[in-house]
Amino acid sequence: MENSNSVCASKNVLLPYRRGVGMFIVNSAKTVFVGKRVDGKGNTWQMPQGGIDGEETILEAVMRETKEETGITNVEIVTESSNWHYYDLPESLIPRFWEGKYRGQKQKWVLLRFLGKDSEINIHQSPPEFLKWKWTEIESLPSLVIPFKKQLYKSIIKEFTPFISKM
């Protein structure tokens, strides 16, 4: 059985990873949707992501979170990551996220083909996740994200690139 707990070194506290999903949304130009987080500092962007609620399936969470964060509903599922991808929050952030209950997230990522028009995208949700959004080149993703997510993004890009090239 998978152990989803890790030790938070400085506090010697056993904290689990929060289960979540990430959405790698690609348009017809093969560029990727990213948003600038409302609570972010600096010029950092991210792809949409969120938690898996209760007994929700991964794909149910993907569709719900995509709609909640971006307003996007017109997508086609291309593939799901073969493994869970993990990231750890910096220790200073642990108390500020998820009531300090998690050390980071374990995420299943799903590659989505955007079938709609940009005019359908609506980040003005309640509550909003993003201040602004844009389509960006896949290669630029690691340079746009917060440092503790760079390796995760590189892994996802590597896994999804063969599928994107066939889109």
Protein backbone atom coordinates (compact mmCIF):
# COMPACT_ATOMS: atom_id res chain seq x y z
CA MET A 1 0.00 0.00 0.00
CA GLU A 2 1.25 3.48 -0.87
CA ASN A 3 2.43 5.59 2.05
CA SER A 4 1.21 9.12 1.49
CA ASN A 5 2.81 10.49 4.64
CA SER A 6 6.18 12.17 5.00
CA VAL A 7 8.07 13.64 7.88
CA CYS A 8 8.30 17.39 8.15
CA ALA A 9 11.92 17.48 9.28
CA SER A 10 12.06 20.55 11.52
CA LYS A 11 8.92 19.72 13.48
CA ASN A 12 9.18 15.92 13.32
CA VAL A 13 5.48 15.91 12.50
CA LEU A 14 3.98 13.31 10.23
CA LEU A 15 1.96 15.17 7.63
CA PRO A 16 0.12 13.59 4.68
CA TYR A 17 0.02 14.87 1.12
CA ARG A 18 -3.26 16.40 0.00
CA ARG A 19 -4.80 14.53 -2.94
CA GLY A 20 -5.27 16.78 -5.94
CA VAL A 21 -5.47 17.15 -9.68
CA GLY A 22 -3.74 19.37 -12.19
CA MET A 23 -5.04 20.43 -15.57
CA PHE A 24 -2.66 20.83 -18.53
CA ILE A 25 -4.99 22.65 -20.95
CA VAL A 26 -3.67 22.97 -24.50
CA ASN A 27 -5.32 24.96 -27.30
CA SER A 28 -5.17 24.44 -31.07
CA ALA A 29 -1.92 26.47 -31.26
CA LYS A 30 -0.38 23.98 -28.78
CA THR A 31 0.06 26.63 -26.13
CA VAL A 32 -0.89 26.07 -22.50
CA PHE A 33 -3.34 27.87 -20.22
CA VAL A 34 -1.74 29.49 -17.15
CA GLY A 35 -3.12 31.85 -14.56
CA LYS A 36 -1.53 34.31 -12.16
CA ARG A 37 -2.78 33.33 -8.70
CA VAL A 38 -4.75 35.84 -6.65
CA ASP A 39 -2.63 35.02 -3.59
CA GLY A 40 0.68 34.80 -5.45
CA LYS A 41 3.63 37.08 -4.95
CA GLY A 42 5.81 38.22 -7.80
CA ASN A 43 5.37 37.19 -11.38
CA THR A 44 4.50 33.53 -10.87
CA TRP A 45 1.95 31.62 -12.89
CA GLN A 46 0.52 28.13 -12.73
CA MET A 47 -1.72 25.73 -14.55
CA PRO A 48 -5.11 25.15 -12.90
CA GLN A 49 -5.12 22.63 -10.07
CA GLY A 50 -7.21 21.70 -7.06
CA GLY A 51 -8.20 19.12 -4.50
CA ILE A 52 -10.12 15.90 -4.94
CA ASP A 53 -13.29 16.09 -2.83
CA GLY A 54 -14.37 13.02 -0.84
CA GLU A 55 -15.12 10.06 -3.09
CA GLU A 56 -14.85 12.13 -6.26
CA THR A 57 -12.99 10.45 -9.14
CA ILE A 58 -9.94 12.05 -10.67
CA LEU A 59 -11.83 12.99 -13.83
CA GLU A 60 -14.77 14.39 -11.86
CA ALA A 61 -12.33 16.56 -9.90
CA VAL A 62 -10.61 17.66 -13.12
CA MET A 63 -13.84 18.78 -14.75
CA ARG A 64 -15.14 20.51 -11.59
CA GLU A 65 -11.86 22.31 -10.86
CA THR A 66 -11.41 23.37 -14.50
CA LYS A 67 -14.86 24.95 -14.51
CA GLU A 68 -14.46 26.50 -11.04
CA GLU A 69 -11.10 28.12 -11.79
CA THR A 70 -11.40 29.04 -15.47
CA GLY A 71 -15.03 28.74 -16.53
CA ILE A 72 -13.84 26.29 -19.19
CA THR A 73 -16.17 23.38 -19.95
CA ASN A 74 -15.44 22.80 -23.62
CA VAL A 75 -12.52 20.36 -23.35
CA GLU A 76 -11.60 16.86 -24.41
CA ILE A 77 -9.59 14.54 -22.17
CA VAL A 78 -6.45 13.40 -23.98
CA THR A 79 -4.63 11.42 -21.28
CA GLU A 80 -3.96 11.15 -17.56
CA SER A 81 -0.50 11.04 -15.97
CA SER A 82 0.70 7.50 -15.38
CA ASN A 83 1.83 8.29 -11.83
CA TRP A 84 1.06 10.66 -8.99
CA HIS A 85 3.26 13.76 -9.00
CA TYR A 86 4.32 15.22 -5.65
CA TYR A 87 5.46 18.59 -4.42
CA ASP A 88 6.35 19.80 -0.94
CA LEU A 89 5.50 23.24 0.30
CA PRO A 90 8.37 25.23 1.80
CA GLU A 91 8.17 24.88 5.61
CA SER A 92 7.20 28.55 6.01
CA LEU A 93 4.08 27.99 3.86
CA ILE A 94 2.77 24.83 5.52
CA PRO A 95 0.80 26.72 8.22
CA ARG A 96 -0.75 29.04 5.60
CA PHE A 97 -2.22 26.36 3.32
CA TRP A 98 -4.95 23.82 4.06
CA GLU A 99 -4.93 24.73 7.77
CA GLY A 100 -1.42 23.29 8.12
CA LYS A 101 -2.73 19.73 7.68
CA TYR A 102 -0.58 18.82 4.67
CA ARG A 103 3.07 19.09 3.71
CA GLY A 104 2.22 19.44 0.00
CA GLN A 105 0.20 17.71 -2.66
CA LYS A 106 0.18 14.50 -4.61
CA GLN A 107 -1.50 15.15 -7.92
CA LYS A 108 -2.79 13.30 -10.92
CA TRP A 109 -2.40 15.48 -13.98
CA VAL A 110 -4.71 15.36 -16.96
CA LEU A 111 -3.95 16.66 -20.44
CA LEU A 112 -6.99 18.48 -21.85
CA ARG A 113 -7.55 19.75 -25.39
CA PHE A 114 -9.36 23.10 -25.31
CA LEU A 115 -12.15 23.02 -27.90
CA GLY A 116 -13.73 26.37 -27.17
CA LYS A 117 -13.02 30.00 -27.90
CA ASP A 118 -11.01 32.33 -25.67
CA SER A 119 -14.17 34.36 -25.08
CA GLU A 120 -15.56 31.38 -23.13
CA ILE A 121 -12.77 31.61 -20.52
CA ASN A 122 -13.97 33.31 -17.35
CA ILE A 123 -11.55 33.59 -14.41
CA HIS A 124 -13.95 35.87 -12.51
CA GLN A 125 -15.26 33.05 -10.36
CA SER A 126 -16.39 33.13 -6.74
CA PRO A 127 -13.94 32.98 -5.12
CA PRO A 128 -11.44 33.82 -7.87
CA GLU A 129 -8.29 31.73 -8.21
CA PHE A 130 -6.54 33.86 -10.81
CA LEU A 131 -5.98 37.60 -11.37
CA LYS A 132 -5.24 37.15 -15.07
CA TRP A 133 -4.57 34.39 -17.57
CA LYS A 134 -2.72 33.75 -20.82
CA TRP A 135 -1.70 31.07 -23.27
CA THR A 136 2.03 30.32 -23.08
CA GLU A 137 4.60 28.17 -24.81
CA ILE A 138 5.12 24.78 -23.18
CA GLU A 139 8.89 25.31 -22.93
CA SER A 140 8.39 28.44 -20.83
CA LEU A 141 6.28 26.75 -18.12
CA PRO A 142 9.14 25.90 -15.71
CA SER A 143 10.38 29.50 -15.77
CA LEU A 144 6.92 30.88 -14.95
CA VAL A 145 6.09 28.78 -11.88
CA ILE A 146 7.01 29.12 -8.23
CA PRO A 147 10.39 27.42 -7.59
CA PHE A 148 9.07 24.52 -5.50
CA LYS A 149 6.89 23.38 -8.44
CA LYS A 150 9.53 23.59 -11.20
CA GLN A 151 10.56 19.92 -11.09
CA LEU A 152 6.93 18.77 -11.06
CA TYR A 153 6.22 20.88 -14.16
CA LYS A 154 9.30 19.50 -15.94
CA SER A 155 8.12 15.94 -15.23
CA ILE A 156 4.61 16.61 -16.51
CA ILE A 157 5.92 18.31 -19.66
CA LYS A 158 8.18 15.32 -20.36
CA GLU A 159 5.29 12.88 -19.89
CA PHE A 160 2.75 14.83 -21.97
CA THR A 161 4.98 16.08 -24.84
CA PRO A 162 4.52 12.92 -26.98
CA PHE A 163 0.72 13.30 -26.70
CA ILE A 164 0.80 17.03 -27.44
CA SER A 165 2.91 16.50 -30.56
CA LYS A 166 0.13 14.25 -31.92
CA MET A 167 -2.66 16.74 -31.17
